[in-house]
Amino acid sequence: MTRGLSLRDWHQQDVPLWRGWMQPGHAWKRLDGPYYPLPDAAALAASEARLVQRIAMSEWPRVRERMVIADADDQFIGEVSRYWQSEETHWLSVGLVLYDPTHWGQGLGQIALQGWCSYLFEAMPVLARLDLRTWSGNEGMMRLATKAGFVEEARFRRARVVDGQYYDGMAYGVLREEWMQRHPGGWATAQTDMVVAA
């Protein structure tokens, strides 16, 4: 890998770092779905066992469901993910988390998100759209969505409760043709941008 960020498959050395970030008390969890609890010890151990097995067997789906965000030293700093909102209508949601706050506010999330979305649109020609869900208390993710080319499509008022206070649920979306117009070079250009911009 040259200088900059990369998206890659998981390595065994990522697992202890991931496990550490899954422990309570980290700042990322105050922003990334804090209305959902962290997995308990048994669920965490089961997730870790599945991850270790996949790494050992190189059991990755053709179109990746999760990838590591790695820094210039190839160190695990976060991850991107995808899940179906509606497979029948080719509607996919994406997620992103940078675990260490020292990586926040530097544009790294935008670089990784653009690379991930370009990869998904290119690898899955049937996709009509992508969306990204967050909440009104996560202003950084809201800004990231719009900077990356997503449009606010829904605001579910008073849909999330954090520390006893109501917040709105936010939904952002981008259509294939909008993404391709904004990123005509596709995945190859996004990969170059990730290296150069980081």
N, C-alpha and C. Protein backbone atom coordinates (compact mmCIF):
# COMPACT_ATOMS: atom_id res chain seq x y z
N MET A 1 0.84 -1.19 0.00
CA MET A 1 0.00 0.00 0.00
C MET A 1 0.88 1.25 0.00
N THR A 2 0.50 2.23 -0.80
CA THR A 2 1.19 3.51 -0.78
C THR A 2 0.63 4.37 0.35
N ARG A 3 1.01 5.64 0.37
CA ARG A 3 0.52 6.52 1.44
C ARG A 3 -1.00 6.62 1.41
N GLY A 4 -1.61 6.79 2.59
CA GLY A 4 -3.03 7.09 2.64
C GLY A 4 -3.88 5.95 3.14
N LEU A 5 -5.18 6.20 3.15
CA LEU A 5 -6.15 5.22 3.60
C LEU A 5 -6.32 4.09 2.60
N SER A 6 -6.80 2.97 3.09
CA SER A 6 -7.24 1.90 2.20
C SER A 6 -8.42 1.19 2.82
N LEU A 7 -9.22 0.57 1.98
CA LEU A 7 -10.26 -0.36 2.41
C LEU A 7 -9.74 -1.74 2.07
N ARG A 8 -9.79 -2.64 3.04
CA ARG A 8 -9.25 -3.99 2.82
C ARG A 8 -10.01 -5.00 3.64
N ASP A 9 -9.74 -6.29 3.36
CA ASP A 9 -10.31 -7.37 4.17
C ASP A 9 -9.66 -7.39 5.55
N TRP A 10 -10.28 -8.11 6.43
CA TRP A 10 -9.81 -8.19 7.81
C TRP A 10 -8.59 -9.09 7.92
N HIS A 11 -7.68 -8.74 8.83
CA HIS A 11 -6.51 -9.55 9.16
C HIS A 11 -6.60 -9.96 10.63
N GLN A 12 -5.88 -11.01 10.98
CA GLN A 12 -5.92 -11.47 12.37
C GLN A 12 -5.49 -10.39 13.36
N GLN A 13 -4.53 -9.54 12.96
CA GLN A 13 -4.06 -8.52 13.89
C GLN A 13 -5.09 -7.41 14.14
N ASP A 14 -6.15 -7.38 13.31
CA ASP A 14 -7.22 -6.40 13.53
C ASP A 14 -8.13 -6.80 14.69
N VAL A 15 -8.21 -8.09 14.97
CA VAL A 15 -9.22 -8.59 15.90
C VAL A 15 -9.04 -8.04 17.32
N PRO A 16 -7.83 -8.05 17.91
CA PRO A 16 -7.70 -7.48 19.25
C PRO A 16 -8.03 -5.99 19.30
N LEU A 17 -7.69 -5.26 18.24
CA LEU A 17 -8.02 -3.83 18.20
C LEU A 17 -9.53 -3.64 18.15
N TRP A 18 -10.19 -4.41 17.29
CA TRP A 18 -11.65 -4.35 17.21
C TRP A 18 -12.29 -4.69 18.55
N ARG A 19 -11.78 -5.76 19.19
CA ARG A 19 -12.32 -6.18 20.49
C ARG A 19 -12.20 -5.05 21.51
N GLY A 20 -11.06 -4.37 21.50
CA GLY A 20 -10.86 -3.26 22.43
C GLY A 20 -11.85 -2.14 22.22
N TRP A 21 -12.14 -1.83 20.96
CA TRP A 21 -13.09 -0.75 20.68
C TRP A 21 -14.53 -1.15 21.00
N MET A 22 -14.80 -2.43 21.15
CA MET A 22 -16.15 -2.88 21.50
C MET A 22 -16.42 -2.79 23.00
N GLN A 23 -15.42 -2.47 23.79
CA GLN A 23 -15.60 -2.36 25.24
C GLN A 23 -16.31 -1.04 25.57
N PRO A 24 -17.03 -1.00 26.69
CA PRO A 24 -17.76 0.23 27.05
C PRO A 24 -16.81 1.41 27.30
N GLY A 25 -17.37 2.61 27.15
CA GLY A 25 -16.66 3.81 27.55
C GLY A 25 -15.96 4.57 26.44
N HIS A 26 -16.03 4.09 25.21
CA HIS A 26 -15.35 4.78 24.11
C HIS A 26 -16.25 5.87 23.52
N ALA A 27 -15.63 6.95 23.06
CA ALA A 27 -16.36 8.11 22.56
C ALA A 27 -17.19 7.79 21.32
N TRP A 28 -16.72 6.86 20.48
CA TRP A 28 -17.44 6.58 19.24
C TRP A 28 -18.86 6.11 19.50
N LYS A 29 -19.04 5.39 20.61
CA LYS A 29 -20.36 4.82 20.88
C LYS A 29 -21.37 5.90 21.32
N ARG A 30 -20.88 7.05 21.76
CA ARG A 30 -21.78 8.14 22.10
C ARG A 30 -22.39 8.77 20.86
N LEU A 31 -21.81 8.48 19.69
CA LEU A 31 -22.30 9.04 18.43
C LEU A 31 -22.90 8.00 17.49
N ASP A 32 -22.37 6.81 17.49
CA ASP A 32 -22.80 5.77 16.56
C ASP A 32 -23.87 4.89 17.20
N GLY A 33 -25.13 5.27 16.99
CA GLY A 33 -26.24 4.48 17.53
C GLY A 33 -26.21 4.30 19.03
N PRO A 34 -26.07 5.37 19.81
CA PRO A 34 -26.00 5.19 21.27
C PRO A 34 -27.31 4.69 21.88
N TYR A 35 -28.37 4.67 21.09
CA TYR A 35 -29.66 4.14 21.54
C TYR A 35 -29.68 2.62 21.45
N TYR A 36 -28.64 2.03 20.82
CA TYR A 36 -28.49 0.58 20.80
C TYR A 36 -27.40 0.18 21.80
N PRO A 37 -27.61 -0.86 22.57
CA PRO A 37 -26.56 -1.28 23.52
C PRO A 37 -25.40 -1.96 22.82
N LEU A 38 -24.22 -1.88 23.41
CA LEU A 38 -23.11 -2.70 22.96
C LEU A 38 -23.44 -4.17 23.19
N PRO A 39 -22.88 -5.07 22.41
CA PRO A 39 -23.14 -6.50 22.65
C PRO A 39 -22.61 -6.93 24.01
N ASP A 40 -23.32 -7.86 24.65
CA ASP A 40 -22.81 -8.38 25.91
C ASP A 40 -21.62 -9.30 25.63
N ALA A 41 -21.01 -9.81 26.69
CA ALA A 41 -19.78 -10.60 26.54
C ALA A 41 -19.98 -11.82 25.66
N ALA A 42 -21.11 -12.50 25.81
CA ALA A 42 -21.37 -13.71 25.03
C ALA A 42 -21.54 -13.37 23.55
N ALA A 43 -22.30 -12.31 23.24
CA ALA A 43 -22.52 -11.92 21.85
C ALA A 43 -21.22 -11.43 21.22
N LEU A 44 -20.42 -10.71 22.00
CA LEU A 44 -19.14 -10.22 21.49
C LEU A 44 -18.20 -11.39 21.18
N ALA A 45 -18.17 -12.37 22.07
CA ALA A 45 -17.32 -13.54 21.85
C ALA A 45 -17.76 -14.31 20.61
N ALA A 46 -19.08 -14.42 20.41
CA ALA A 46 -19.59 -15.13 19.23
C ALA A 46 -19.23 -14.38 17.95
N SER A 47 -19.37 -13.05 17.96
CA SER A 47 -19.01 -12.25 16.79
C SER A 47 -17.52 -12.36 16.49
N GLU A 48 -16.72 -12.34 17.54
CA GLU A 48 -15.28 -12.46 17.36
C GLU A 48 -14.91 -13.83 16.78
N ALA A 49 -15.55 -14.88 17.28
CA ALA A 49 -15.26 -16.23 16.77
C ALA A 49 -15.60 -16.34 15.29
N ARG A 50 -16.73 -15.76 14.88
CA ARG A 50 -17.10 -15.79 13.46
C ARG A 50 -16.10 -15.01 12.61
N LEU A 51 -15.67 -13.87 13.13
CA LEU A 51 -14.71 -13.06 12.41
C LEU A 51 -13.37 -13.78 12.25
N VAL A 52 -12.90 -14.38 13.34
CA VAL A 52 -11.63 -15.13 13.30
C VAL A 52 -11.71 -16.27 12.30
N GLN A 53 -12.84 -16.99 12.28
CA GLN A 53 -13.00 -18.10 11.34
C GLN A 53 -12.99 -17.59 9.89
N ARG A 54 -13.70 -16.49 9.65
CA ARG A 54 -13.73 -15.95 8.28
C ARG A 54 -12.35 -15.54 7.82
N ILE A 55 -11.59 -14.93 8.72
CA ILE A 55 -10.23 -14.51 8.37
C ILE A 55 -9.38 -15.74 8.06
N ALA A 56 -9.45 -16.75 8.92
CA ALA A 56 -8.63 -17.95 8.75
C ALA A 56 -8.96 -18.66 7.45
N MET A 57 -10.24 -18.69 7.08
CA MET A 57 -10.67 -19.41 5.89
C MET A 57 -10.75 -18.53 4.65
N SER A 58 -10.51 -17.22 4.83
CA SER A 58 -10.71 -16.24 3.74
C SER A 58 -12.11 -16.38 3.15
N GLU A 59 -13.09 -16.48 4.04
CA GLU A 59 -14.49 -16.67 3.62
C GLU A 59 -15.16 -15.31 3.47
N TRP A 60 -14.90 -14.65 2.35
CA TRP A 60 -15.49 -13.34 2.11
C TRP A 60 -16.50 -13.44 0.98
N PRO A 61 -17.65 -12.78 1.12
CA PRO A 61 -18.59 -12.77 -0.01
C PRO A 61 -17.97 -12.03 -1.19
N ARG A 62 -18.44 -12.35 -2.38
CA ARG A 62 -17.89 -11.72 -3.58
C ARG A 62 -17.96 -10.20 -3.45
N VAL A 63 -19.11 -9.68 -3.06
CA VAL A 63 -19.23 -8.26 -2.74
C VAL A 63 -19.17 -8.15 -1.23
N ARG A 64 -18.14 -7.53 -0.75
CA ARG A 64 -17.89 -7.49 0.70
C ARG A 64 -19.04 -6.82 1.45
N GLU A 65 -19.30 -7.34 2.66
CA GLU A 65 -20.32 -6.77 3.54
C GLU A 65 -19.71 -5.82 4.57
N ARG A 66 -18.47 -6.09 4.94
CA ARG A 66 -17.72 -5.24 5.87
C ARG A 66 -16.27 -5.21 5.41
N MET A 67 -15.66 -4.05 5.54
CA MET A 67 -14.24 -3.94 5.24
C MET A 67 -13.58 -3.05 6.28
N VAL A 68 -12.31 -3.26 6.48
CA VAL A 68 -11.51 -2.46 7.39
C VAL A 68 -11.11 -1.16 6.71
N ILE A 69 -11.16 -0.07 7.46
CA ILE A 69 -10.50 1.17 7.05
C ILE A 69 -9.13 1.13 7.71
N ALA A 70 -8.08 1.14 6.88
CA ALA A 70 -6.71 1.07 7.39
C ALA A 70 -5.97 2.36 7.08
N ASP A 71 -5.07 2.75 7.99
CA ASP A 71 -4.31 3.98 7.81
C ASP A 71 -3.07 3.72 6.95
N ALA A 72 -2.21 4.71 6.87
CA ALA A 72 -1.02 4.61 6.01
C ALA A 72 -0.08 3.51 6.46
N ASP A 73 -0.16 3.10 7.74
CA ASP A 73 0.66 2.00 8.26
C ASP A 73 -0.07 0.67 8.21
N ASP A 74 -1.21 0.64 7.51
CA ASP A 74 -2.06 -0.55 7.38
C ASP A 74 -2.65 -0.97 8.72
N GLN A 75 -2.81 -0.02 9.63
CA GLN A 75 -3.41 -0.31 10.93
C GLN A 75 -4.92 -0.08 10.89
N PHE A 76 -5.65 -0.95 11.54
CA PHE A 76 -7.11 -0.87 11.66
C PHE A 76 -7.50 0.41 12.39
N ILE A 77 -8.31 1.26 11.74
CA ILE A 77 -8.81 2.47 12.41
C ILE A 77 -10.33 2.56 12.38
N GLY A 78 -10.97 1.70 11.60
CA GLY A 78 -12.42 1.75 11.52
C GLY A 78 -12.93 0.71 10.56
N GLU A 79 -14.20 0.81 10.23
CA GLU A 79 -14.78 -0.14 9.29
C GLU A 79 -15.95 0.48 8.54
N VAL A 80 -16.23 -0.09 7.38
CA VAL A 80 -17.41 0.25 6.61
C VAL A 80 -18.27 -1.02 6.51
N SER A 81 -19.56 -0.82 6.29
CA SER A 81 -20.47 -1.97 6.24
C SER A 81 -21.63 -1.66 5.31
N ARG A 82 -22.39 -2.71 5.01
CA ARG A 82 -23.60 -2.56 4.20
C ARG A 82 -24.66 -3.53 4.68
N TYR A 83 -25.90 -3.20 4.47
CA TYR A 83 -27.00 -4.11 4.75
C TYR A 83 -28.20 -3.68 3.90
N TRP A 84 -29.06 -4.64 3.61
CA TRP A 84 -30.22 -4.36 2.76
C TRP A 84 -31.30 -3.63 3.53
N GLN A 85 -31.84 -2.59 2.92
CA GLN A 85 -33.13 -2.04 3.34
C GLN A 85 -34.23 -2.81 2.62
N SER A 86 -34.02 -3.04 1.32
CA SER A 86 -34.97 -3.82 0.53
C SER A 86 -34.23 -4.46 -0.64
N GLU A 87 -33.91 -5.73 -0.51
CA GLU A 87 -33.21 -6.41 -1.59
C GLU A 87 -34.09 -6.49 -2.83
N GLU A 88 -35.42 -6.58 -2.62
CA GLU A 88 -36.34 -6.69 -3.74
C GLU A 88 -36.30 -5.46 -4.64
N THR A 89 -36.03 -4.30 -4.07
CA THR A 89 -36.01 -3.07 -4.86
C THR A 89 -34.59 -2.51 -5.00
N HIS A 90 -33.57 -3.34 -4.64
CA HIS A 90 -32.17 -2.97 -4.85
C HIS A 90 -31.78 -1.72 -4.07
N TRP A 91 -32.15 -1.72 -2.80
CA TRP A 91 -32.00 -0.57 -1.92
C TRP A 91 -31.11 -0.99 -0.75
N LEU A 92 -29.90 -0.45 -0.73
CA LEU A 92 -28.88 -0.85 0.23
C LEU A 92 -28.55 0.31 1.15
N SER A 93 -28.27 0.00 2.42
CA SER A 93 -27.78 1.00 3.37
C SER A 93 -26.31 0.77 3.66
N VAL A 94 -25.61 1.86 3.94
CA VAL A 94 -24.19 1.78 4.26
C VAL A 94 -23.94 2.35 5.65
N GLY A 95 -22.86 1.89 6.26
CA GLY A 95 -22.44 2.41 7.55
C GLY A 95 -20.95 2.63 7.57
N LEU A 96 -20.50 3.48 8.48
CA LEU A 96 -19.08 3.79 8.61
C LEU A 96 -18.82 4.20 10.04
N VAL A 97 -17.70 3.74 10.59
CA VAL A 97 -17.26 4.21 11.90
C VAL A 97 -15.73 4.30 11.92
N LEU A 98 -15.24 5.44 12.39
CA LEU A 98 -13.83 5.61 12.73
C LEU A 98 -13.78 5.58 14.25
N TYR A 99 -13.11 4.60 14.81
CA TYR A 99 -13.20 4.37 16.24
C TYR A 99 -12.44 5.39 17.08
N ASP A 100 -11.26 5.78 16.66
CA ASP A 100 -10.39 6.65 17.47
C ASP A 100 -10.71 8.11 17.18
N PRO A 101 -11.10 8.90 18.20
CA PRO A 101 -11.43 10.32 17.97
C PRO A 101 -10.29 11.13 17.37
N THR A 102 -9.04 10.67 17.49
CA THR A 102 -7.94 11.42 16.88
C THR A 102 -8.03 11.42 15.35
N HIS A 103 -8.85 10.53 14.78
CA HIS A 103 -9.03 10.49 13.34
C HIS A 103 -10.24 11.28 12.86
N TRP A 104 -10.98 11.86 13.80
CA TRP A 104 -12.19 12.60 13.43
C TRP A 104 -11.83 14.00 12.95
N GLY A 105 -12.71 14.57 12.12
CA GLY A 105 -12.56 15.96 11.69
C GLY A 105 -11.44 16.22 10.71
N GLN A 106 -10.93 15.17 10.07
CA GLN A 106 -9.82 15.33 9.13
C GLN A 106 -10.21 14.97 7.69
N GLY A 107 -11.48 14.69 7.47
CA GLY A 107 -11.93 14.30 6.14
C GLY A 107 -11.73 12.83 5.81
N LEU A 108 -11.23 12.05 6.78
CA LEU A 108 -10.97 10.63 6.51
C LEU A 108 -12.26 9.86 6.31
N GLY A 109 -13.30 10.21 7.05
CA GLY A 109 -14.58 9.53 6.89
C GLY A 109 -15.15 9.74 5.50
N GLN A 110 -15.03 10.95 4.96
CA GLN A 110 -15.53 11.22 3.63
C GLN A 110 -14.77 10.42 2.58
N ILE A 111 -13.46 10.35 2.73
CA ILE A 111 -12.64 9.58 1.78
C ILE A 111 -13.07 8.11 1.80
N ALA A 112 -13.20 7.55 3.00
CA ALA A 112 -13.57 6.14 3.12
C ALA A 112 -14.98 5.88 2.61
N LEU A 113 -15.92 6.77 2.94
CA LEU A 113 -17.30 6.58 2.51
C LEU A 113 -17.41 6.65 0.99
N GLN A 114 -16.73 7.60 0.38
CA GLN A 114 -16.77 7.71 -1.08
C GLN A 114 -16.17 6.48 -1.75
N GLY A 115 -15.08 5.98 -1.19
CA GLY A 115 -14.50 4.75 -1.74
C GLY A 115 -15.44 3.57 -1.61
N TRP A 116 -16.07 3.44 -0.46
CA TRP A 116 -16.98 2.32 -0.20
C TRP A 116 -18.20 2.38 -1.13
N CYS A 117 -18.80 3.56 -1.25
CA CYS A 117 -20.00 3.68 -2.10
C CYS A 117 -19.66 3.43 -3.56
N SER A 118 -18.52 3.95 -4.02
CA SER A 118 -18.11 3.71 -5.41
C SER A 118 -17.89 2.23 -5.65
N TYR A 119 -17.25 1.56 -4.68
CA TYR A 119 -17.04 0.12 -4.79
C TYR A 119 -18.38 -0.62 -4.91
N LEU A 120 -19.34 -0.28 -4.06
CA LEU A 120 -20.62 -0.99 -4.06
C LEU A 120 -21.39 -0.77 -5.35
N PHE A 121 -21.45 0.47 -5.83
CA PHE A 121 -22.16 0.72 -7.08
C PHE A 121 -21.50 -0.02 -8.24
N GLU A 122 -20.18 -0.10 -8.24
CA GLU A 122 -19.48 -0.78 -9.32
C GLU A 122 -19.63 -2.30 -9.22
N ALA A 123 -19.55 -2.83 -7.99
CA ALA A 123 -19.60 -4.28 -7.80
C ALA A 123 -21.01 -4.84 -7.89
N MET A 124 -22.02 -3.98 -7.71
CA MET A 124 -23.41 -4.43 -7.72
C MET A 124 -24.19 -3.58 -8.72
N PRO A 125 -24.09 -3.90 -10.01
CA PRO A 125 -24.73 -3.08 -11.04
C PRO A 125 -26.24 -2.94 -10.89
N VAL A 126 -26.86 -3.85 -10.14
CA VAL A 126 -28.31 -3.81 -9.97
C VAL A 126 -28.74 -2.73 -8.98
N LEU A 127 -27.82 -2.22 -8.18
CA LEU A 127 -28.19 -1.24 -7.14
C LEU A 127 -28.82 0.00 -7.75
N ALA A 128 -29.98 0.36 -7.20
CA ALA A 128 -30.65 1.59 -7.62
C ALA A 128 -30.25 2.77 -6.75
N ARG A 129 -29.95 2.49 -5.47
CA ARG A 129 -29.70 3.57 -4.52
C ARG A 129 -28.94 3.05 -3.31
N LEU A 130 -28.34 3.98 -2.59
CA LEU A 130 -27.75 3.72 -1.29
C LEU A 130 -28.35 4.70 -0.30
N ASP A 131 -28.45 4.26 0.93
CA ASP A 131 -28.78 5.25 1.94
C ASP A 131 -27.92 5.08 3.18
N LEU A 132 -27.98 6.10 4.02
CA LEU A 132 -27.19 6.18 5.24
C LEU A 132 -28.10 6.70 6.33
N ARG A 133 -28.13 6.02 7.47
CA ARG A 133 -29.00 6.41 8.58
C ARG A 133 -28.16 6.91 9.75
N THR A 134 -28.63 7.97 10.38
CA THR A 134 -27.98 8.48 11.58
C THR A 134 -29.03 9.16 12.45
N TRP A 135 -28.63 10.00 13.37
CA TRP A 135 -29.56 10.70 14.26
C TRP A 135 -29.09 12.14 14.39
N SER A 136 -30.01 13.03 14.79
CA SER A 136 -29.72 14.46 14.77
C SER A 136 -28.68 14.88 15.80
N GLY A 137 -28.32 14.00 16.71
CA GLY A 137 -27.25 14.30 17.66
C GLY A 137 -25.86 14.05 17.09
N ASN A 138 -25.78 13.39 15.95
CA ASN A 138 -24.49 13.10 15.32
C ASN A 138 -24.28 14.07 14.16
N GLU A 139 -23.92 15.29 14.50
CA GLU A 139 -23.80 16.33 13.48
C GLU A 139 -22.67 16.03 12.50
N GLY A 140 -21.61 15.38 12.97
CA GLY A 140 -20.50 15.03 12.08
C GLY A 140 -20.94 14.09 10.98
N MET A 141 -21.74 13.08 11.31
CA MET A 141 -22.20 12.14 10.30
C MET A 141 -23.20 12.79 9.35
N MET A 142 -24.00 13.71 9.85
CA MET A 142 -24.92 14.43 8.98
C MET A 142 -24.14 15.26 7.95
N ARG A 143 -23.09 15.95 8.40
CA ARG A 143 -22.26 16.72 7.48
C ARG A 143 -21.55 15.80 6.49
N LEU A 144 -21.05 14.68 6.98
CA LEU A 144 -20.35 13.72 6.13
C LEU A 144 -21.26 13.23 5.01
N ALA A 145 -22.50 12.90 5.34
CA ALA A 145 -23.44 12.40 4.32
C ALA A 145 -23.61 13.41 3.20
N THR A 146 -23.83 14.67 3.54
CA THR A 146 -24.07 15.67 2.50
C THR A 146 -22.79 15.97 1.72
N LYS A 147 -21.64 16.00 2.38
CA LYS A 147 -20.38 16.24 1.67
C LYS A 147 -20.09 15.12 0.68
N ALA A 148 -20.48 13.91 1.01
CA ALA A 148 -20.23 12.77 0.13
C ALA A 148 -21.22 12.69 -1.03
N GLY A 149 -22.27 13.51 -0.99
CA GLY A 149 -23.22 13.52 -2.10
C GLY A 149 -24.59 12.96 -1.78
N PHE A 150 -24.84 12.58 -0.53
CA PHE A 150 -26.15 12.10 -0.12
C PHE A 150 -27.08 13.29 0.12
N VAL A 151 -28.37 13.05 -0.05
CA VAL A 151 -29.39 14.08 0.15
C VAL A 151 -30.26 13.67 1.34
N GLU A 152 -30.58 14.64 2.20
CA GLU A 152 -31.51 14.34 3.29
C GLU A 152 -32.87 14.01 2.70
N GLU A 153 -33.36 12.82 2.98
CA GLU A 153 -34.63 12.36 2.42
C GLU A 153 -35.72 12.19 3.47
N ALA A 154 -35.34 12.02 4.72
CA ALA A 154 -36.35 11.84 5.76
C ALA A 154 -35.80 12.31 7.10
N ARG A 155 -36.69 12.85 7.89
CA ARG A 155 -36.38 13.22 9.28
C ARG A 155 -37.53 12.67 10.12
N PHE A 156 -37.23 11.64 10.89
CA PHE A 156 -38.23 11.03 11.76
C PHE A 156 -38.17 11.74 13.11
N ARG A 157 -39.09 12.61 13.33
CA ARG A 157 -39.03 13.49 14.48
C ARG A 157 -39.19 12.73 15.80
N ARG A 158 -38.35 13.09 16.75
CA ARG A 158 -38.38 12.52 18.11
C ARG A 158 -38.43 10.99 18.05
N ALA A 159 -37.55 10.42 17.25
CA ALA A 159 -37.54 8.97 17.05
C ALA A 159 -36.45 8.26 17.83
N ARG A 160 -35.49 9.00 18.38
CA ARG A 160 -34.39 8.41 19.13
C ARG A 160 -34.28 9.07 20.50
N VAL A 161 -33.95 8.26 21.49
CA VAL A 161 -33.77 8.80 22.85
C VAL A 161 -32.35 8.50 23.30
N VAL A 162 -31.62 9.56 23.65
CA VAL A 162 -30.25 9.45 24.14
C VAL A 162 -30.15 10.29 25.42
N ASP A 163 -29.73 9.65 26.50
CA ASP A 163 -29.61 10.31 27.80
C ASP A 163 -30.90 11.01 28.19
N GLY A 164 -32.01 10.35 27.92
CA GLY A 164 -33.32 10.87 28.31
C GLY A 164 -33.85 11.99 27.44
N GLN A 165 -33.16 12.32 26.36
CA GLN A 165 -33.59 13.40 25.48
C GLN A 165 -33.94 12.85 24.11
N TYR A 166 -35.01 13.39 23.50
CA TYR A 166 -35.42 12.96 22.17
C TYR A 166 -34.58 13.64 21.09
N TYR A 167 -34.26 12.86 20.04
CA TYR A 167 -33.59 13.36 18.85
C TYR A 167 -34.32 12.82 17.63
N ASP A 168 -34.05 13.43 16.49
CA ASP A 168 -34.66 12.96 15.24
C ASP A 168 -33.82 11.84 14.63
N GLY A 169 -34.49 10.89 14.00
CA GLY A 169 -33.81 9.92 13.17
C GLY A 169 -33.64 10.50 11.77
N MET A 170 -32.46 10.37 11.20
CA MET A 170 -32.14 11.01 9.93
C MET A 170 -31.84 9.94 8.86
N ALA A 171 -32.36 10.18 7.66
CA ALA A 171 -32.11 9.26 6.54
C ALA A 171 -31.63 10.06 5.33
N TYR A 172 -30.51 9.65 4.79
CA TYR A 172 -29.91 10.29 3.62
C TYR A 172 -29.82 9.26 2.51
N GLY A 173 -29.98 9.70 1.27
CA GLY A 173 -29.93 8.77 0.16
C GLY A 173 -29.24 9.37 -1.06
N VAL A 174 -28.78 8.47 -1.92
CA VAL A 174 -28.21 8.89 -3.20
C VAL A 174 -28.58 7.83 -4.24
N LEU A 175 -29.01 8.29 -5.42
CA LEU A 175 -29.35 7.40 -6.51
C LEU A 175 -28.10 7.07 -7.32
N ARG A 176 -28.13 5.93 -7.98
CA ARG A 176 -26.98 5.51 -8.78
C ARG A 176 -26.56 6.61 -9.76
N GLU A 177 -27.53 7.17 -10.51
CA GLU A 177 -27.17 8.14 -11.53
C GLU A 177 -26.57 9.41 -10.91
N GLU A 178 -27.04 9.78 -9.71
CA GLU A 178 -26.46 10.94 -9.02
C GLU A 178 -25.02 10.66 -8.62
N TRP A 179 -24.79 9.44 -8.11
CA TRP A 179 -23.42 9.10 -7.68
C TRP A 179 -22.47 9.06 -8.88
N MET A 180 -22.93 8.46 -9.97
CA MET A 180 -22.06 8.33 -11.14
C MET A 180 -21.75 9.70 -11.75
N GLN A 181 -22.70 10.61 -11.69
CA GLN A 181 -22.44 11.96 -12.21
C GLN A 181 -21.42 12.67 -11.33
N ARG A 182 -21.51 12.45 -10.03
CA ARG A 182 -20.60 13.12 -9.09
C ARG A 182 -19.23 12.47 -9.08
N HIS A 183 -19.18 11.14 -9.29
CA HIS A 183 -17.93 10.37 -9.23
C HIS A 183 -17.77 9.56 -10.52
N PRO A 184 -17.53 10.23 -11.65
CA PRO A 184 -17.51 9.52 -12.93
C PRO A 184 -16.38 8.51 -13.07
N GLY A 185 -15.32 8.64 -12.28
CA GLY A 185 -14.20 7.70 -12.39
C GLY A 185 -14.43 6.40 -11.66
N GLY A 186 -15.51 6.33 -10.85
CA GLY A 186 -15.83 5.10 -10.14
C GLY A 186 -14.82 4.71 -9.07
N TRP A 187 -14.72 3.40 -8.86
CA TRP A 187 -13.90 2.85 -7.77
C TRP A 187 -12.43 3.18 -7.94
N ALA A 188 -11.92 3.10 -9.16
CA ALA A 188 -10.49 3.36 -9.38
C ALA A 188 -10.13 4.78 -8.97
N THR A 189 -10.97 5.74 -9.34
CA THR A 189 -10.73 7.13 -8.97
C THR A 189 -10.88 7.31 -7.48
N ALA A 190 -11.87 6.66 -6.89
CA ALA A 190 -12.08 6.78 -5.45
C ALA A 190 -10.87 6.24 -4.69
N GLN A 191 -10.30 5.13 -5.15
CA GLN A 191 -9.12 4.56 -4.52
C GLN A 191 -7.95 5.54 -4.61
N THR A 192 -7.78 6.15 -5.78
CA THR A 192 -6.72 7.14 -5.95
C THR A 192 -6.95 8.32 -5.03
N ASP A 193 -8.21 8.77 -4.96
CA ASP A 193 -8.54 9.90 -4.08
C ASP A 193 -8.23 9.55 -2.63
N MET A 194 -8.51 8.31 -2.23
CA MET A 194 -8.25 7.90 -0.86
C MET A 194 -6.75 8.01 -0.55
N VAL A 195 -5.93 7.57 -1.48
CA VAL A 195 -4.48 7.61 -1.27
C VAL A 195 -3.97 9.04 -1.27
N VAL A 196 -4.41 9.82 -2.25
CA VAL A 196 -3.91 11.19 -2.40
C VAL A 196 -4.38 12.08 -1.26
N ALA A 197 -5.71 11.99 -0.96
CA ALA A 197 -6.27 12.91 0.02
C ALA A 197 -5.79 12.64 1.43
N ALA A 198 -5.47 11.40 1.74
CA ALA A 198 -5.03 11.07 3.09
C ALA A 198 -3.58 11.51 3.26
